[in-house]
Amino acid sequence: MHKDLLDDRFGRFREIPLALALRGHQVHGLCLSYEKKGEEKIRDDLVEWESINAGTLKIGLLRFIKKASQIAKKVDAIWACSDSFYGIIGYMLSSKYRIPLVFDLYDNFEYFLMARMPIIKQLYRWVIRKSAAITCVSRPLARLVRSYRKNGRVYVIENAVRKDLFKPMIKKTCRDVLKLPQNALLVGTAGALDRNRGIQFLFEAFDMLKTKHADLHLSLAGPRNIRIPFNNRAHDLGILPQEKVPILLNALDVAIICNRENEFGRYCFPQKAREIMACNVPLIAARVGSMAELLTDHPEWLFKPDDASNMARVLENRLGDRRTGYKKVLSWSDVAAELEKIFIDLCKNQSLS
């Protein structure tokens, strides 16, 4: 996502630990940096973080494991996140110190490069079965985990939002801030603009509609691995700082969530969906995985993945019907409360055994 947990104070791994700390728990975070940075302790509100530079990966991992072992001696539970390898390390430490491990899957890690290595893939699935509990970002991912013969204690902890940032704003003001046309029908998205998410089909759908609707404009922001087609009705805002993303979302008439029917799309939970909903902006999404389930009451808001014609049709209909009526959008504090219950239950069982 081109955001750094510590530098940008961004994302699931920053917000949930912070929310736990605000609920009165002592939280210590450790991460491995693939860029060279200062290794001093970093205080993020109530959470103390430490970052180890990977450097030469073998040496960096050894230093990371050593530091993680020192921290694990003093804690009641471990929440291992980010990739399959960290779950494996977390399980080693939980076994050594006899403390429960909760392994967090914020994506299908088997889609990541590390877990495609034969030994790592086998260890990853073994750790899933052995972990005290698994937290999954989506219901489809939780079902996949259960198919690995993980019995019990598989929980869905979806992505949430910072409600101080993501909230309804005045559209005119937001367009002024970003220098976007005031009188246009403005559609777009903010997030990864990648081929593996199907962003190219959005460009095709826009081309189909722009001749029919002379006032239709497209606005995009985010990291990309594809050339953005440039014209006077396509606005590329680059990579926006986090505080400007809700301004873009509130500037839109319809927000679009692209995805594909692949090992990523089937199991992810797009955080931007909750952010769009928190801003009360009409959305459409690819009919894949968690979005198909989330919008089951509104199939007319879903388009067929990899089908620009169907996306164009759904988008055009949504421009005419901009109802929202979304259900409650969870804050990071809400999902931290769910994780808190899991930890408390595991620690009680640990003390009784």
Protein backbone atom coordinates (compact mmCIF):
# COMPACT_ATOMS: atom_id res chain seq x y z
CA MET A 1 0.00 0.00 0.00
CA HIS A 2 3.12 2.18 -0.11
CA LYS A 3 2.50 3.15 3.52
CA ASP A 4 4.78 2.44 6.45
CA LEU A 5 3.40 1.24 9.77
CA LEU A 6 5.67 3.52 11.81
CA ASP A 7 6.57 6.39 9.48
CA ASP A 8 3.00 6.89 8.27
CA ARG A 9 1.18 5.64 11.40
CA PHE A 10 -0.98 3.60 9.07
CA GLY A 11 -3.02 0.43 8.80
CA ARG A 12 -4.36 -2.60 10.61
CA PHE A 13 -1.11 -3.42 12.43
CA ARG A 14 -0.85 0.09 13.79
CA GLU A 15 -4.48 0.77 14.63
CA ILE A 16 -5.48 -2.46 16.40
CA PRO A 17 -2.49 -2.55 18.81
CA LEU A 18 -3.06 1.15 19.56
CA ALA A 19 -6.75 0.54 20.25
CA LEU A 20 -5.84 -2.34 22.59
CA ALA A 21 -3.45 -0.06 24.46
CA LEU A 22 -6.16 2.57 24.78
CA ARG A 23 -8.32 -0.13 26.38
CA GLY A 24 -5.75 -0.45 29.16
CA HIS A 25 -3.42 -3.21 27.93
CA GLN A 26 0.37 -3.00 27.70
CA VAL A 27 1.29 -3.49 24.06
CA HIS A 28 4.80 -3.93 22.65
CA GLY A 29 5.31 -4.07 18.88
CA LEU A 30 8.27 -5.41 16.92
CA CYS A 31 8.72 -5.20 13.16
CA LEU A 32 11.37 -5.97 10.56
CA SER A 33 12.20 -3.11 8.19
CA TYR A 34 13.33 -3.90 4.65
CA GLU A 35 14.68 -0.36 4.38
CA LYS A 36 17.52 0.96 6.51
CA LYS A 37 16.09 3.08 9.34
CA GLY A 38 16.93 4.10 12.86
CA GLU A 39 16.54 1.23 15.28
CA GLU A 40 15.69 3.20 18.38
CA LYS A 41 12.47 2.54 20.25
CA ILE A 42 9.51 4.46 18.86
CA ARG A 43 6.57 5.58 20.96
CA ASP A 44 3.27 5.75 19.12
CA ASP A 45 0.91 7.12 21.74
CA LEU A 46 0.63 4.25 24.28
CA VAL A 47 2.38 1.60 22.17
CA GLU A 48 6.13 1.03 22.24
CA TRP A 49 7.51 -0.15 18.92
CA GLU A 50 10.93 -1.45 17.95
CA SER A 51 12.15 -1.88 14.39
CA ILE A 52 14.98 -4.18 13.31
CA ASN A 53 16.64 -3.53 9.95
CA ALA A 54 16.67 -6.61 7.73
CA GLY A 55 19.99 -5.67 6.12
CA THR A 56 21.42 -8.96 4.92
CA LEU A 57 18.20 -10.91 5.38
CA LYS A 58 19.72 -13.85 7.26
CA ILE A 59 21.43 -11.58 9.81
CA GLY A 60 18.41 -9.32 10.11
CA LEU A 61 16.09 -12.26 10.76
CA LEU A 62 18.40 -13.66 13.42
CA ARG A 63 18.45 -10.29 15.19
CA PHE A 64 14.67 -10.04 14.84
CA ILE A 65 14.13 -13.51 16.34
CA LYS A 66 16.50 -12.73 19.21
CA LYS A 67 14.67 -9.50 20.05
CA ALA A 68 11.27 -11.18 19.65
CA SER A 69 12.40 -13.90 22.09
CA GLN A 70 13.41 -11.28 24.65
CA ILE A 71 10.01 -9.61 24.40
CA ALA A 72 8.07 -12.90 24.42
CA LYS A 73 9.49 -13.81 27.85
CA LYS A 74 7.51 -10.93 29.36
CA VAL A 75 4.13 -11.14 27.61
CA ASP A 76 0.87 -13.01 28.10
CA ALA A 77 0.09 -13.57 24.41
CA ILE A 78 1.49 -13.01 20.91
CA TRP A 79 -0.32 -11.56 17.89
CA ALA A 80 1.76 -12.50 14.83
CA CYS A 81 1.03 -10.54 11.65
CA SER A 82 2.16 -9.50 8.20
CA ASP A 83 3.30 -12.72 6.47
CA SER A 84 3.56 -16.49 6.85
CA PHE A 85 7.12 -16.29 8.17
CA TYR A 86 6.12 -14.18 11.17
CA GLY A 87 3.44 -16.69 12.09
CA ILE A 88 6.09 -19.42 12.06
CA ILE A 89 8.38 -17.35 14.29
CA GLY A 90 5.46 -16.54 16.57
CA TYR A 91 4.63 -20.22 16.98
CA MET A 92 8.24 -21.08 17.83
CA LEU A 93 8.17 -18.50 20.62
CA SER A 94 4.71 -19.43 21.86
CA SER A 95 5.83 -23.05 22.19
CA LYS A 96 9.05 -22.12 23.91
CA TYR A 97 7.45 -19.84 26.50
CA ARG A 98 4.08 -21.61 26.70
CA ILE A 99 2.00 -18.60 25.83
CA PRO A 100 -0.88 -18.48 23.33
CA LEU A 101 -0.30 -17.39 19.75
CA VAL A 102 -2.96 -15.62 17.72
CA PHE A 103 -1.89 -15.65 14.07
CA ASP A 104 -3.44 -12.82 12.04
CA LEU A 105 -4.13 -13.35 8.34
CA TYR A 106 -4.87 -9.99 6.77
CA ASP A 107 -4.60 -11.57 3.32
CA ASN A 108 -4.25 -15.00 1.79
CA PHE A 109 -0.54 -15.42 2.58
CA GLU A 110 -0.25 -18.31 0.14
CA TYR A 111 -0.56 -15.65 -2.57
CA PHE A 112 2.60 -13.99 -1.24
CA LEU A 113 6.04 -14.95 -2.53
CA MET A 114 7.33 -16.33 0.78
CA ALA A 115 4.60 -18.93 1.19
CA ARG A 116 5.09 -20.23 -2.33
CA MET A 117 8.36 -21.79 -1.19
CA PRO A 118 7.61 -25.50 -0.55
CA ILE A 119 8.96 -25.76 3.03
CA ILE A 120 7.45 -22.44 4.10
CA LYS A 121 4.05 -23.36 2.68
CA GLN A 122 3.99 -26.62 4.64
CA LEU A 123 5.12 -24.88 7.84
CA TYR A 124 2.56 -22.13 7.32
CA ARG A 125 -0.35 -24.57 7.16
CA TRP A 126 1.05 -26.53 10.11
CA VAL A 127 1.29 -23.36 12.21
CA ILE A 128 -2.29 -22.45 11.29
CA ARG A 129 -3.45 -25.78 12.70
CA LYS A 130 -1.28 -25.45 15.82
CA SER A 131 -1.94 -21.79 16.70
CA ALA A 132 -4.16 -21.10 19.69
CA ALA A 133 -6.36 -18.95 17.44
CA ILE A 134 -6.45 -17.45 13.96
CA THR A 135 -7.81 -14.01 13.12
CA CYS A 136 -8.83 -13.54 9.48
CA VAL A 137 -9.63 -10.35 7.63
CA SER A 138 -12.61 -11.86 5.78
CA ARG A 139 -15.17 -14.64 5.96
CA PRO A 140 -13.96 -16.32 2.75
CA LEU A 141 -10.44 -16.40 4.20
CA ALA A 142 -11.76 -17.92 7.43
CA ARG A 143 -13.45 -20.67 5.41
CA LEU A 144 -10.17 -21.33 3.59
CA VAL A 145 -8.33 -21.62 6.93
CA ARG A 146 -10.88 -24.14 8.20
CA SER A 147 -10.28 -26.19 5.05
CA TYR A 148 -6.67 -26.65 6.28
CA ARG A 149 -8.16 -28.72 9.14
CA LYS A 150 -7.96 -25.91 11.66
CA ASN A 151 -10.51 -26.89 14.27
CA GLY A 152 -12.08 -24.11 16.31
CA ARG A 153 -10.91 -20.63 17.26
CA VAL A 154 -10.98 -19.13 13.77
CA TYR A 155 -12.28 -15.56 14.06
CA VAL A 156 -13.11 -12.89 11.51
CA ILE A 157 -11.58 -9.52 12.41
CA GLU A 158 -12.37 -7.28 9.45
CA ASN A 159 -10.64 -4.04 8.57
CA ALA A 160 -12.15 -0.91 10.09
CA VAL A 161 -11.71 2.85 9.79
CA ARG A 162 -10.42 5.86 11.63
CA LYS A 163 -13.66 7.72 12.18
CA ASP A 164 -11.81 10.95 12.91
CA LEU A 165 -10.69 10.90 9.24
CA PHE A 166 -13.31 8.97 7.31
CA LYS A 167 -16.65 10.74 7.64
CA PRO A 168 -19.06 12.64 5.35
CA MET A 169 -17.77 15.99 4.11
CA ILE A 170 -19.09 18.72 1.84
CA LYS A 171 -18.51 17.64 -1.77
CA LYS A 172 -17.90 21.15 -3.11
CA THR A 173 -15.25 21.86 -0.49
CA CYS A 174 -13.50 18.54 -1.17
CA ARG A 175 -13.39 19.22 -4.91
CA ASP A 176 -11.99 22.70 -4.26
CA VAL A 177 -9.19 21.27 -2.09
CA LEU A 178 -8.16 18.75 -4.78
CA LYS A 179 -8.80 21.12 -7.71
CA LEU A 180 -11.37 18.79 -9.23
CA PRO A 181 -14.19 20.03 -11.52
CA GLN A 182 -17.21 21.19 -9.56
CA ASN A 183 -19.91 20.46 -12.11
CA ALA A 184 -18.69 17.05 -13.28
CA LEU A 185 -20.06 13.59 -12.64
CA LEU A 186 -16.98 12.34 -10.83
CA VAL A 187 -16.19 8.64 -10.37
CA GLY A 188 -13.00 7.00 -9.21
CA THR A 189 -11.05 5.16 -6.58
CA ALA A 190 -8.19 5.47 -4.10
CA GLY A 191 -5.88 2.51 -3.51
CA ALA A 192 -3.60 0.15 -5.41
CA LEU A 193 -3.99 0.80 -9.14
CA ASP A 194 -2.69 -2.59 -10.22
CA ARG A 195 -3.44 -5.02 -13.03
CA ASN A 196 -3.91 -7.82 -10.51
CA ARG A 197 -6.78 -5.76 -9.03
CA GLY A 198 -8.35 -5.23 -12.47
CA ILE A 199 -7.87 -1.47 -12.70
CA GLN A 200 -7.48 -1.74 -16.50
CA PHE A 201 -11.16 -2.70 -16.77
CA LEU A 202 -12.11 0.55 -15.04
CA PHE A 203 -10.25 2.48 -17.74
CA GLU A 204 -12.14 0.53 -20.41
CA ALA A 205 -15.49 1.10 -18.69
CA PHE A 206 -14.79 4.83 -18.42
CA ASP A 207 -13.96 4.98 -22.13
CA MET A 208 -17.30 3.33 -22.90
CA LEU A 209 -19.24 5.86 -20.84
CA LYS A 210 -17.42 9.13 -21.47
CA THR A 211 -18.78 9.59 -25.01
CA LYS A 212 -22.32 9.01 -23.71
CA HIS A 213 -21.91 11.33 -20.70
CA ALA A 214 -20.06 14.52 -21.64
CA ASP A 215 -19.71 15.57 -17.99
CA LEU A 216 -18.26 12.26 -16.74
CA HIS A 217 -14.78 12.51 -15.20
CA LEU A 218 -12.46 9.92 -13.60
CA SER A 219 -10.29 10.61 -10.55
CA LEU A 220 -7.62 8.21 -9.26
CA ALA A 221 -5.07 8.09 -6.46
CA GLY A 222 -2.66 5.44 -5.25
CA PRO A 223 0.44 3.42 -6.08
CA ARG A 224 0.34 1.81 -9.50
CA ASN A 225 2.00 -0.70 -11.80
CA ILE A 226 0.13 0.47 -14.87
CA ARG A 227 0.18 3.61 -17.00
CA ILE A 228 -2.74 5.89 -16.23
CA PRO A 229 -4.42 6.98 -19.49
CA PHE A 230 -4.16 10.75 -19.57
CA ASN A 231 -6.80 13.10 -20.92
CA ASN A 232 -8.58 16.22 -19.74
CA ARG A 233 -11.29 14.14 -18.06
CA ALA A 234 -9.00 11.77 -16.16
CA HIS A 235 -7.40 13.21 -13.01
CA ASP A 236 -4.38 11.43 -11.54
CA LEU A 237 -3.76 12.64 -7.98
CA GLY A 238 -0.72 10.43 -7.41
CA ILE A 239 -0.19 8.93 -3.97
CA LEU A 240 -2.17 10.97 -1.46
CA PRO A 241 -1.28 11.32 2.22
CA GLN A 242 -3.72 9.44 4.43
CA GLU A 243 -5.56 12.57 5.58
CA LYS A 244 -6.43 13.50 1.97
CA VAL A 245 -7.91 10.12 0.99
CA PRO A 246 -11.28 10.88 2.66
CA ILE A 247 -11.30 14.23 0.85
CA LEU A 248 -11.04 12.41 -2.49
CA LEU A 249 -13.71 9.88 -1.53
CA ASN A 250 -16.10 12.64 -0.51
CA ALA A 251 -15.44 14.43 -3.81
CA LEU A 252 -16.77 11.43 -5.79
CA ASP A 253 -20.30 10.79 -6.99
CA VAL A 254 -19.56 7.05 -7.11
CA ALA A 255 -16.51 5.20 -5.75
CA ILE A 256 -15.33 2.00 -7.44
CA ILE A 257 -13.65 -1.04 -5.89
CA CYS A 258 -11.87 -3.11 -8.53
CA ASN A 259 -10.80 -6.69 -7.94
CA ARG A 260 -10.32 -9.94 -9.82
CA GLU A 261 -11.33 -13.54 -9.30
CA ASN A 262 -7.90 -14.72 -8.17
CA GLU A 263 -6.16 -15.95 -5.02
CA PHE A 264 -5.93 -12.37 -3.76
CA GLY A 265 -9.38 -11.11 -4.68
CA ARG A 266 -11.24 -14.14 -3.35
CA TYR A 267 -9.92 -13.75 0.20
CA CYS A 268 -9.09 -10.07 0.83
CA PHE A 269 -11.31 -7.52 2.54
CA PRO A 270 -10.79 -4.15 0.81
CA GLN A 271 -10.31 -1.58 3.54
CA LYS A 272 -11.43 1.08 1.09
CA ALA A 273 -14.94 -0.43 1.20
CA ARG A 274 -15.34 0.54 4.85
CA GLU A 275 -13.71 3.92 4.23
CA ILE A 276 -16.14 4.68 1.39
CA MET A 277 -19.08 3.59 3.53
CA ALA A 278 -17.91 5.72 6.46
CA CYS A 279 -17.93 8.71 4.10
CA ASN A 280 -21.46 7.72 2.98
CA VAL A 281 -20.43 7.76 -0.69
CA PRO A 282 -22.23 5.50 -3.20
CA LEU A 283 -20.04 2.57 -4.28
CA ILE A 284 -19.87 -0.28 -6.74
CA ALA A 285 -17.56 -3.28 -6.38
CA ALA A 286 -16.37 -6.37 -8.18
CA ARG A 287 -18.54 -9.38 -7.32
CA VAL A 288 -15.68 -11.27 -5.66
CA GLY A 289 -15.13 -12.78 -2.20
CA SER A 290 -15.99 -10.61 0.77
CA MET A 291 -17.58 -7.83 -1.30
CA ALA A 292 -20.09 -10.25 -2.81
CA GLU A 293 -21.06 -11.21 0.75
CA LEU A 294 -20.99 -7.68 2.17
CA LEU A 295 -23.32 -6.37 -0.56
CA THR A 296 -25.57 -9.42 -0.75
CA ASP A 297 -28.63 -7.17 -0.18
CA HIS A 298 -27.61 -4.96 -3.12
CA PRO A 299 -26.54 -7.18 -6.04
CA GLU A 300 -27.20 -4.22 -8.34
CA TRP A 301 -24.09 -2.55 -6.85
CA LEU A 302 -21.85 -5.45 -7.95
CA PHE A 303 -20.19 -5.90 -11.33
CA LYS A 304 -18.69 -8.98 -12.92
CA PRO A 305 -14.88 -9.01 -12.50
CA ASP A 306 -12.81 -8.62 -15.67
CA ASP A 307 -15.88 -7.39 -17.56
CA ALA A 308 -15.62 -3.72 -18.54
CA SER A 309 -19.04 -3.71 -20.23
CA ASN A 310 -20.76 -4.99 -17.10
CA MET A 311 -18.85 -2.52 -14.93
CA ALA A 312 -19.91 0.33 -17.21
CA ARG A 313 -23.56 -0.74 -16.96
CA VAL A 314 -23.48 -1.04 -13.16
CA LEU A 315 -21.66 2.29 -12.83
CA GLU A 316 -24.13 4.08 -15.07
CA ASN A 317 -27.06 2.69 -13.06
CA ARG A 318 -25.37 3.75 -9.81
CA LEU A 319 -25.00 7.31 -11.08
CA GLY A 320 -28.78 7.33 -11.34
CA ASP A 321 -29.41 5.58 -8.02
CA ARG A 322 -27.11 6.90 -5.32
CA ARG A 323 -28.76 5.36 -2.27
CA THR A 324 -26.42 4.33 0.49
CA GLY A 325 -28.08 3.21 3.72
CA TYR A 326 -24.99 1.31 4.76
CA LYS A 327 -24.95 -0.69 7.97
CA LYS A 328 -22.79 0.43 10.87
CA VAL A 329 -19.14 0.88 9.93
CA LEU A 330 -16.79 -0.45 12.61
CA SER A 331 -14.01 1.64 14.12
CA TRP A 332 -10.61 0.19 15.00
CA SER A 333 -11.70 0.36 18.62
CA ASP A 334 -14.65 -1.91 17.80
CA VAL A 335 -12.50 -4.61 16.21
CA ALA A 336 -9.86 -4.30 18.95
CA ALA A 337 -12.60 -5.13 21.46
CA GLU A 338 -13.24 -8.38 19.55
CA LEU A 339 -9.53 -9.24 19.64
CA GLU A 340 -9.39 -8.36 23.33
CA LYS A 341 -12.07 -10.99 24.07
CA ILE A 342 -10.05 -13.60 22.19
CA PHE A 343 -6.88 -12.83 24.16
CA ILE A 344 -8.66 -12.80 27.53
CA ASP A 345 -10.32 -16.14 26.79
CA LEU A 346 -7.03 -17.73 25.71
CA CYS A 347 -5.15 -16.41 28.75
CA LYS A 348 -7.85 -17.71 31.12
CA ASN A 349 -7.64 -21.14 29.54
CA GLN A 350 -3.86 -21.00 29.74
CA SER A 351 -3.94 -20.29 33.48
CA LEU A 352 -6.34 -23.21 34.07
CA SER A 353 -4.25 -25.74 32.16
